[in-house]
Structure formats: structure tokens, C-alpha cells
Amino acid sequence: MSALTKAKGFKKSRTGLYLSIGTTAFGALSVAKQARKARTESDTLLLLDAVVSAAAVATGLAMLLRELKRLGDDDVLLG
């Protein structure tokens, strides 16, 4: 099994999904920092960018959680 095949399999594994969720949550911290900076500087364009980025982070997190749920549904031991 090649390293590329292993990497593709890791992305669909439970551990890979948890890592992706953590990375996405870390991105949310960056968006919050960006929004705070935009509000203190009264920069409307930067605030709009932060809002759009927050929507992207929320959508990505929802998709990852849905995939994690699907993995849980396939698990025979969980019932």
C-alpha cells in the first residue's frame, strides 16, 4: 500500500475526521480574532470578510460532523 493510498484512507477514518474537526475549530479562533480586529478598527470590509469566513467554517464543521455520524452509523459495535 503506497503512502498516498494510506493518506487518502486516513482522511475518511474516525481519527482523520477528529483531526479535521480540530483544525476547523482552530480556524474558527482565527476568524474570531479577525472579527475582533475589524470591530476595533471599524473596518466594515474586514468584518464582512470575517462573517463570510465564519459561515464557511460553520459549514465545514457541519459537514465533518455529518461524516462522523455516518461513520458511527456503520459501526456494528455501537448498535
PDB file of N, CA and C in Angstrom:
ATOM      1  N   MET A   1       0.843  -1.176   0.000  1.00  0.00           N
ATOM      2  CA  MET A   1       0.000   0.000   0.000  1.00  0.00           C
ATOM      3  C   MET A   1       0.889   1.240   0.000  1.00  0.00           C
ATOM      4  N   SER A   2       0.677   2.136  -0.935  1.00  0.00           N
ATOM      5  CA  SER A   2       1.517   3.322  -1.051  1.00  0.00           C
ATOM      6  C   SER A   2       1.148   4.343   0.017  1.00  0.00           C
ATOM      7  N   ALA A   3       2.044   5.280   0.213  1.00  0.00           N
ATOM      8  CA  ALA A   3       1.813   6.325   1.209  1.00  0.00           C
ATOM      9  C   ALA A   3       0.620   7.188   0.818  1.00  0.00           C
ATOM     10  N   LEU A   4       0.432   7.412  -0.481  1.00  0.00           N
ATOM     11  CA  LEU A   4      -0.697   8.224  -0.938  1.00  0.00           C
ATOM     12  C   LEU A   4      -2.024   7.525  -0.654  1.00  0.00           C
ATOM     13  N   THR A   5      -2.068   6.228  -0.842  1.00  0.00           N
ATOM     14  CA  THR A   5      -3.279   5.462  -0.555  1.00  0.00           C
ATOM     15  C   THR A   5      -3.588   5.485   0.938  1.00  0.00           C
ATOM     16  N   LYS A   6      -2.559   5.371   1.757  1.00  0.00           N
ATOM     17  CA  LYS A   6      -2.759   5.437   3.204  1.00  0.00           C
ATOM     18  C   LYS A   6      -3.273   6.802   3.628  1.00  0.00           C
ATOM     19  N   ALA A   7      -2.745   7.861   3.020  1.00  0.00           N
ATOM     20  CA  ALA A   7      -3.172   9.215   3.357  1.00  0.00           C
ATOM     21  C   ALA A   7      -4.626   9.436   2.967  1.00  0.00           C
ATOM     22  N   LYS A   8      -5.045   8.921   1.833  1.00  0.00           N
ATOM     23  CA  LYS A   8      -6.437   9.073   1.415  1.00  0.00           C
ATOM     24  C   LYS A   8      -7.370   8.304   2.346  1.00  0.00           C
ATOM     25  N   GLY A   9      -6.949   7.145   2.802  1.00  0.00           N
ATOM     26  CA  GLY A   9      -7.744   6.366   3.746  1.00  0.00           C
ATOM     27  C   GLY A   9      -7.832   7.037   5.106  1.00  0.00           C
ATOM     28  N   PHE A  10      -6.765   7.732   5.515  1.00  0.00           N
ATOM     29  CA  PHE A  10      -6.753   8.409   6.812  1.00  0.00           C
ATOM     30  C   PHE A  10      -7.779   9.525   6.856  1.00  0.00           C
ATOM     31  N   LYS A  11      -7.976  10.207   5.729  1.00  0.00           N
ATOM     32  CA  LYS A  11      -8.925  11.312   5.690  1.00  0.00           C
ATOM     33  C   LYS A  11     -10.343  10.834   5.987  1.00  0.00           C
ATOM     34  N   LYS A  12     -10.686   9.613   5.601  1.00  0.00           N
ATOM     35  CA  LYS A  12     -12.026   9.075   5.836  1.00  0.00           C
ATOM     36  C   LYS A  12     -12.139   8.297   7.139  1.00  0.00           C
ATOM     37  N   SER A  13     -11.050   8.204   7.891  1.00  0.00           N
ATOM     38  CA  SER A  13     -11.091   7.454   9.145  1.00  0.00           C
ATOM     39  C   SER A  13     -11.629   8.346  10.268  1.00  0.00           C
ATOM     40  N   ARG A  14     -11.998   7.728  11.362  1.00  0.00           N
ATOM     41  CA  ARG A  14     -12.515   8.466  12.516  1.00  0.00           C
ATOM     42  C   ARG A  14     -11.437   9.413  13.060  1.00  0.00           C
ATOM     43  N   THR A  15     -10.202   8.952  13.137  1.00  0.00           N
ATOM     44  CA  THR A  15      -9.110   9.786  13.628  1.00  0.00           C
ATOM     45  C   THR A  15      -8.886  10.972  12.703  1.00  0.00           C
ATOM     46  N   GLY A  16      -8.939  10.728  11.413  1.00  0.00           N
ATOM     47  CA  GLY A  16      -8.770  11.806  10.447  1.00  0.00           C
ATOM     48  C   GLY A  16      -9.867  12.842  10.550  1.00  0.00           C
ATOM     49  N   LEU A  17     -11.090  12.387  10.801  1.00  0.00           N
ATOM     50  CA  LEU A  17     -12.198  13.327  10.959  1.00  0.00           C
ATOM     51  C   LEU A  17     -12.040  14.167  12.224  1.00  0.00           C
ATOM     52  N   TYR A  18     -11.593  13.539  13.307  1.00  0.00           N
ATOM     53  CA  TYR A  18     -11.358  14.300  14.532  1.00  0.00           C
ATOM     54  C   TYR A  18     -10.262  15.341  14.326  1.00  0.00           C
ATOM     55  N   LEU A  19      -9.233  14.986  13.596  1.00  0.00           N
ATOM     56  CA  LEU A  19      -8.158  15.927  13.295  1.00  0.00           C
ATOM     57  C   LEU A  19      -8.684  17.080  12.443  1.00  0.00           C
ATOM     58  N   SER A  20      -9.530  16.777  11.484  1.00  0.00           N
ATOM     59  CA  SER A  20     -10.120  17.822  10.640  1.00  0.00           C
ATOM     60  C   SER A  20     -11.023  18.737  11.450  1.00  0.00           C
ATOM     61  N   ILE A  21     -11.782  18.185  12.374  1.00  0.00           N
ATOM     62  CA  ILE A  21     -12.653  18.997  13.238  1.00  0.00           C
ATOM     63  C   ILE A  21     -11.805  19.931  14.100  1.00  0.00           C
ATOM     64  N   GLY A  22     -10.716  19.410  14.641  1.00  0.00           N
ATOM     65  CA  GLY A  22      -9.817  20.246  15.444  1.00  0.00           C
ATOM     66  C   GLY A  22      -9.195  21.364  14.633  1.00  0.00           C
ATOM     67  N   THR A  23      -8.799  21.062  13.422  1.00  0.00           N
ATOM     68  CA  THR A  23      -8.220  22.073  12.546  1.00  0.00           C
ATOM     69  C   THR A  23      -9.253  23.141  12.195  1.00  0.00           C
ATOM     70  N   THR A  24     -10.474  22.712  11.953  1.00  0.00           N
ATOM     71  CA  THR A  24     -11.543  23.661  11.641  1.00  0.00           C
ATOM     72  C   THR A  24     -11.850  24.541  12.853  1.00  0.00           C
ATOM     73  N   ALA A  25     -11.860  23.954  14.030  1.00  0.00           N
ATOM     74  CA  ALA A  25     -12.089  24.731  15.251  1.00  0.00           C
ATOM     75  C   ALA A  25     -10.964  25.748  15.457  1.00  0.00           C
ATOM     76  N   PHE A  26      -9.745  25.369  15.136  1.00  0.00           N
ATOM     77  CA  PHE A  26      -8.620  26.291  15.228  1.00  0.00           C
ATOM     78  C   PHE A  26      -8.810  27.447  14.245  1.00  0.00           C
ATOM     79  N   GLY A  27      -9.353  27.156  13.072  1.00  0.00           N
ATOM     80  CA  GLY A  27      -9.659  28.201  12.097  1.00  0.00           C
ATOM     81  C   GLY A  27     -10.712  29.159  12.617  1.00  0.00           C
ATOM     82  N   ALA A  28     -11.643  28.643  13.407  1.00  0.00           N
ATOM     83  CA  ALA A  28     -12.681  29.495  13.994  1.00  0.00           C
ATOM     84  C   ALA A  28     -12.066  30.516  14.948  1.00  0.00           C
ATOM     85  N   LEU A  29     -11.017  30.133  15.657  1.00  0.00           N
ATOM     86  CA  LEU A  29     -10.332  31.079  16.536  1.00  0.00           C
ATOM     87  C   LEU A  29      -9.710  32.214  15.730  1.00  0.00           C
ATOM     88  N   SER A  30      -9.148  31.885  14.587  1.00  0.00           N
ATOM     89  CA  SER A  30      -8.566  32.892  13.712  1.00  0.00           C
ATOM     90  C   SER A  30      -9.627  33.851  13.187  1.00  0.00           C
ATOM     91  N   VAL A  31     -10.790  33.316  12.841  1.00  0.00           N
ATOM     92  CA  VAL A  31     -11.888  34.154  12.355  1.00  0.00           C
ATOM     93  C   VAL A  31     -12.374  35.078  13.465  1.00  0.00           C
ATOM     94  N   ALA A  32     -12.454  34.573  14.683  1.00  0.00           N
ATOM     95  CA  ALA A  32     -12.884  35.403  15.816  1.00  0.00           C
ATOM     96  C   ALA A  32     -11.896  36.542  16.056  1.00  0.00           C
ATOM     97  N   LYS A  33     -10.624  36.248  15.940  1.00  0.00           N
ATOM     98  CA  LYS A  33      -9.594  37.273  16.098  1.00  0.00           C
ATOM     99  C   LYS A  33      -9.720  38.327  14.997  1.00  0.00           C
ATOM    100  N   GLN A  34      -9.979  37.879  13.783  1.00  0.00           N
ATOM    101  CA  GLN A  34     -10.153  38.792  12.659  1.00  0.00           C
ATOM    102  C   GLN A  34     -11.381  39.688  12.878  1.00  0.00           C
ATOM    103  N   ALA A  35     -12.473  39.117  13.361  1.00  0.00           N
ATOM    104  CA  ALA A  35     -13.690  39.886  13.611  1.00  0.00           C
ATOM    105  C   ALA A  35     -13.463  40.919  14.717  1.00  0.00           C
ATOM    106  N   ARG A  36     -12.757  40.516  15.766  1.00  0.00           N
ATOM    107  CA  ARG A  36     -12.468  41.446  16.863  1.00  0.00           C
ATOM    108  C   ARG A  36     -11.630  42.632  16.370  1.00  0.00           C
ATOM    109  N   LYS A  37     -10.634  42.331  15.539  1.00  0.00           N
ATOM    110  CA  LYS A  37      -9.782  43.391  14.984  1.00  0.00           C
ATOM    111  C   LYS A  37     -10.612  44.326  14.093  1.00  0.00           C
ATOM    112  N   ALA A  38     -11.508  43.763  13.299  1.00  0.00           N
ATOM    113  CA  ALA A  38     -12.340  44.565  12.404  1.00  0.00           C
ATOM    114  C   ALA A  38     -13.262  45.486  13.199  1.00  0.00           C
ATOM    115  N   ARG A  39     -13.779  44.983  14.304  1.00  0.00           N
ATOM    116  CA  ARG A  39     -14.689  45.810  15.121  1.00  0.00           C
ATOM    117  C   ARG A  39     -13.942  46.938  15.813  1.00  0.00           C
ATOM    118  N   THR A  40     -12.738  46.672  16.301  1.00  0.00           N
ATOM    119  CA  THR A  40     -11.981  47.734  16.977  1.00  0.00           C
ATOM    120  C   THR A  40     -11.530  48.803  15.991  1.00  0.00           C
ATOM    121  N   GLU A  41     -11.262  48.405  14.748  1.00  0.00           N
ATOM    122  CA  GLU A  41     -10.832  49.370  13.730  1.00  0.00           C
ATOM    123  C   GLU A  41     -12.007  49.942  12.945  1.00  0.00           C
ATOM    124  N   SER A  42     -13.207  49.479  13.222  1.00  0.00           N
ATOM    125  CA  SER A  42     -14.420  49.886  12.482  1.00  0.00           C
ATOM    126  C   SER A  42     -14.244  49.690  10.975  1.00  0.00           C
ATOM    127  N   ASP A  43     -13.669  48.564  10.615  1.00  0.00           N
ATOM    128  CA  ASP A  43     -13.426  48.226   9.210  1.00  0.00           C
ATOM    129  C   ASP A  43     -14.554  47.303   8.734  1.00  0.00           C
ATOM    130  N   THR A  44     -15.481  47.865   7.983  1.00  0.00           N
ATOM    131  CA  THR A  44     -16.659  47.120   7.551  1.00  0.00           C
ATOM    132  C   THR A  44     -16.295  45.985   6.597  1.00  0.00           C
ATOM    133  N   LEU A  45     -15.365  46.242   5.698  1.00  0.00           N
ATOM    134  CA  LEU A  45     -14.980  45.224   4.723  1.00  0.00           C
ATOM    135  C   LEU A  45     -14.299  44.038   5.408  1.00  0.00           C
ATOM    136  N   LEU A  46     -13.440  44.311   6.363  1.00  0.00           N
ATOM    137  CA  LEU A  46     -12.780  43.237   7.110  1.00  0.00           C
ATOM    138  C   LEU A  46     -13.792  42.460   7.949  1.00  0.00           C
ATOM    139  N   LEU A  47     -14.776  43.155   8.496  1.00  0.00           N
ATOM    140  CA  LEU A  47     -15.824  42.487   9.269  1.00  0.00           C
ATOM    141  C   LEU A  47     -16.681  41.599   8.376  1.00  0.00           C
ATOM    142  N   LEU A  48     -16.992  42.075   7.182  1.00  0.00           N
ATOM    143  CA  LEU A  48     -17.742  41.266   6.227  1.00  0.00           C
ATOM    144  C   LEU A  48     -16.955  40.011   5.842  1.00  0.00           C
ATOM    145  N   ASP A  49     -15.650  40.162   5.657  1.00  0.00           N
ATOM    146  CA  ASP A  49     -14.803  39.008   5.350  1.00  0.00           C
ATOM    147  C   ASP A  49     -14.820  38.004   6.498  1.00  0.00           C
ATOM    148  N   ALA A  50     -14.805  38.494   7.725  1.00  0.00           N
ATOM    149  CA  ALA A  50     -14.841  37.612   8.890  1.00  0.00           C
ATOM    150  C   ALA A  50     -16.174  36.871   8.973  1.00  0.00           C
ATOM    151  N   VAL A  51     -17.264  37.550   8.642  1.00  0.00           N
ATOM    152  CA  VAL A  51     -18.581  36.909   8.683  1.00  0.00           C
ATOM    153  C   VAL A  51     -18.676  35.805   7.633  1.00  0.00           C
ATOM    154  N   VAL A  52     -18.176  36.072   6.431  1.00  0.00           N
ATOM    155  CA  VAL A  52     -18.198  35.064   5.367  1.00  0.00           C
ATOM    156  C   VAL A  52     -17.300  33.887   5.743  1.00  0.00           C
ATOM    157  N   SER A  53     -16.155  34.192   6.314  1.00  0.00           N
ATOM    158  CA  SER A  53     -15.245  33.122   6.756  1.00  0.00           C
ATOM    159  C   SER A  53     -15.878  32.282   7.864  1.00  0.00           C
ATOM    160  N   ALA A  54     -16.597  32.931   8.764  1.00  0.00           N
ATOM    161  CA  ALA A  54     -17.266  32.202   9.844  1.00  0.00           C
ATOM    162  C   ALA A  54     -18.337  31.277   9.279  1.00  0.00           C
ATOM    163  N   ALA A  55     -19.041  31.732   8.254  1.00  0.00           N
ATOM    164  CA  ALA A  55     -20.048  30.874   7.621  1.00  0.00           C
ATOM    165  C   ALA A  55     -19.385  29.664   6.971  1.00  0.00           C
ATOM    166  N   ALA A  56     -18.228  29.873   6.358  1.00  0.00           N
ATOM    167  CA  ALA A  56     -17.503  28.763   5.740  1.00  0.00           C
ATOM    168  C   ALA A  56     -17.018  27.764   6.792  1.00  0.00           C
ATOM    169  N   VAL A  57     -16.541  28.272   7.908  1.00  0.00           N
ATOM    170  CA  VAL A  57     -16.081  27.396   8.994  1.00  0.00           C
ATOM    171  C   VAL A  57     -17.254  26.601   9.554  1.00  0.00           C
ATOM    172  N   ALA A  58     -18.394  27.256   9.756  1.00  0.00           N
ATOM    173  CA  ALA A  58     -19.566  26.567  10.294  1.00  0.00           C
ATOM    174  C   ALA A  58     -20.060  25.486   9.329  1.00  0.00           C
ATOM    175  N   THR A  59     -20.060  25.789   8.052  1.00  0.00           N
ATOM    176  CA  THR A  59     -20.484  24.800   7.062  1.00  0.00           C
ATOM    177  C   THR A  59     -19.529  23.616   7.034  1.00  0.00           C
ATOM    178  N   GLY A  60     -18.242  23.891   7.045  1.00  0.00           N
ATOM    179  CA  GLY A  60     -17.253  22.817   7.054  1.00  0.00           C
ATOM    180  C   GLY A  60     -17.364  21.945   8.287  1.00  0.00           C
ATOM    181  N   LEU A  61     -17.587  22.564   9.433  1.00  0.00           N
ATOM    182  CA  LEU A  61     -17.741  21.805  10.676  1.00  0.00           C
ATOM    183  C   LEU A  61     -18.991  20.933  10.634  1.00  0.00           C
ATOM    184  N   ALA A  62     -20.070  21.472  10.089  1.00  0.00           N
ATOM    185  CA  ALA A  62     -21.307  20.688   9.971  1.00  0.00           C
ATOM    186  C   ALA A  62     -21.114  19.488   9.057  1.00  0.00           C
ATOM    187  N   MET A  63     -20.393  19.680   7.969  1.00  0.00           N
ATOM    188  CA  MET A  63     -20.134  18.563   7.049  1.00  0.00           C
ATOM    189  C   MET A  63     -19.269  17.494   7.708  1.00  0.00           C
ATOM    190  N   LEU A  64     -18.266  17.910   8.480  1.00  0.00           N
ATOM    191  CA  LEU A  64     -17.414  16.944   9.169  1.00  0.00           C
ATOM    192  C   LEU A  64     -18.196  16.174  10.231  1.00  0.00           C
ATOM    193  N   LEU A  65     -19.053  16.864  10.961  1.00  0.00           N
ATOM    194  CA  LEU A  65     -19.859  16.177  11.972  1.00  0.00           C
ATOM    195  C   LEU A  65     -20.830  15.195  11.327  1.00  0.00           C
ATOM    196  N   ARG A  66     -21.389  15.559  10.165  1.00  0.00           N
ATOM    197  CA  ARG A  66     -22.282  14.639   9.446  1.00  0.00           C
ATOM    198  C   ARG A  66     -21.516  13.385   9.017  1.00  0.00           C
ATOM    199  N   GLU A  67     -20.299  13.565   8.529  1.00  0.00           N
ATOM    200  CA  GLU A  67     -19.489  12.425   8.115  1.00  0.00           C
ATOM    201  C   GLU A  67     -19.118  11.554   9.318  1.00  0.00           C
ATOM    202  N   LEU A  68     -18.850  12.181  10.448  1.00  0.00           N
ATOM    203  CA  LEU A  68     -18.538  11.434  11.669  1.00  0.00           C
ATOM    204  C   LEU A  68     -19.749  10.621  12.112  1.00  0.00           C
ATOM    205  N   LYS A  69     -20.932  11.193  11.973  1.00  0.00           N
ATOM    206  CA  LYS A  69     -22.153  10.469  12.324  1.00  0.00           C
ATOM    207  C   LYS A  69     -22.345   9.273  11.395  1.00  0.00           C
ATOM    208  N   ARG A  70     -22.067   9.450  10.124  1.00  0.00           N
ATOM    209  CA  ARG A  70     -22.186   8.343   9.170  1.00  0.00           C
ATOM    210  C   ARG A  70     -21.228   7.211   9.514  1.00  0.00           C
ATOM    211  N   LEU A  71     -20.032   7.565   9.939  1.00  0.00           N
ATOM    212  CA  LEU A  71     -19.089   6.525  10.353  1.00  0.00           C
ATOM    213  C   LEU A  71     -19.625   5.795  11.583  1.00  0.00           C
ATOM    214  N   GLY A  72     -20.252   6.520  12.491  1.00  0.00           N
ATOM    215  CA  GLY A  72     -20.825   5.920  13.693  1.00  0.00           C
ATOM    216  C   GLY A  72     -21.976   5.008  13.364  1.00  0.00           C
ATOM    217  N   ASP A  73     -22.756   5.360  12.333  1.00  0.00           N
ATOM    218  CA  ASP A  73     -23.881   4.510  11.939  1.00  0.00           C
ATOM    219  C   ASP A  73     -23.418   3.199  11.344  1.00  0.00           C
ATOM    220  N   ASP A  74     -22.244   3.205  10.715  1.00  0.00           N
ATOM    221  CA  ASP A  74     -21.714   1.989  10.096  1.00  0.00           C
ATOM    222  C   ASP A  74     -21.053   1.066  11.112  1.00  0.00           C
ATOM    223  N   ASP A  75     -20.788   1.567  12.301  1.00  0.00           N
ATOM    224  CA  ASP A  75     -20.094   0.784  13.331  1.00  0.00           C
ATOM    225  C   ASP A  75     -21.049  -0.240  13.926  1.00  0.00           C
ATOM    226  N   VAL A  76     -20.735  -1.499  13.765  1.00  0.00           N
ATOM    227  CA  VAL A  76     -21.598  -2.569  14.239  1.00  0.00           C
ATOM    228  C   VAL A  76     -21.625  -2.623  15.760  1.00  0.00           C
ATOM    229  N   LEU A  77     -20.510  -2.303  16.407  1.00  0.00           N
ATOM    230  CA  LEU A  77     -20.433  -2.417  17.853  1.00  0.00           C
ATOM    231  C   LEU A  77     -21.258  -1.353  18.578  1.00  0.00           C
ATOM    232  N   LEU A  78     -21.529  -0.236  17.924  1.00  0.00           N
ATOM    233  CA  LEU A  78     -22.297   0.809  18.569  1.00  0.00           C
ATOM    234  C   LEU A  78     -23.798   0.522  18.562  1.00  0.00           C
ATOM    235  N   GLY A  79     -24.205  -0.439  17.787  1.00  0.00           N
ATOM    236  CA  GLY A  79     -25.599  -0.873  17.795  1.00  0.00           C
ATOM    237  C   GLY A  79     -26.431  -0.099  16.875  1.00  0.00           C
TER     238      GLY A  79
END
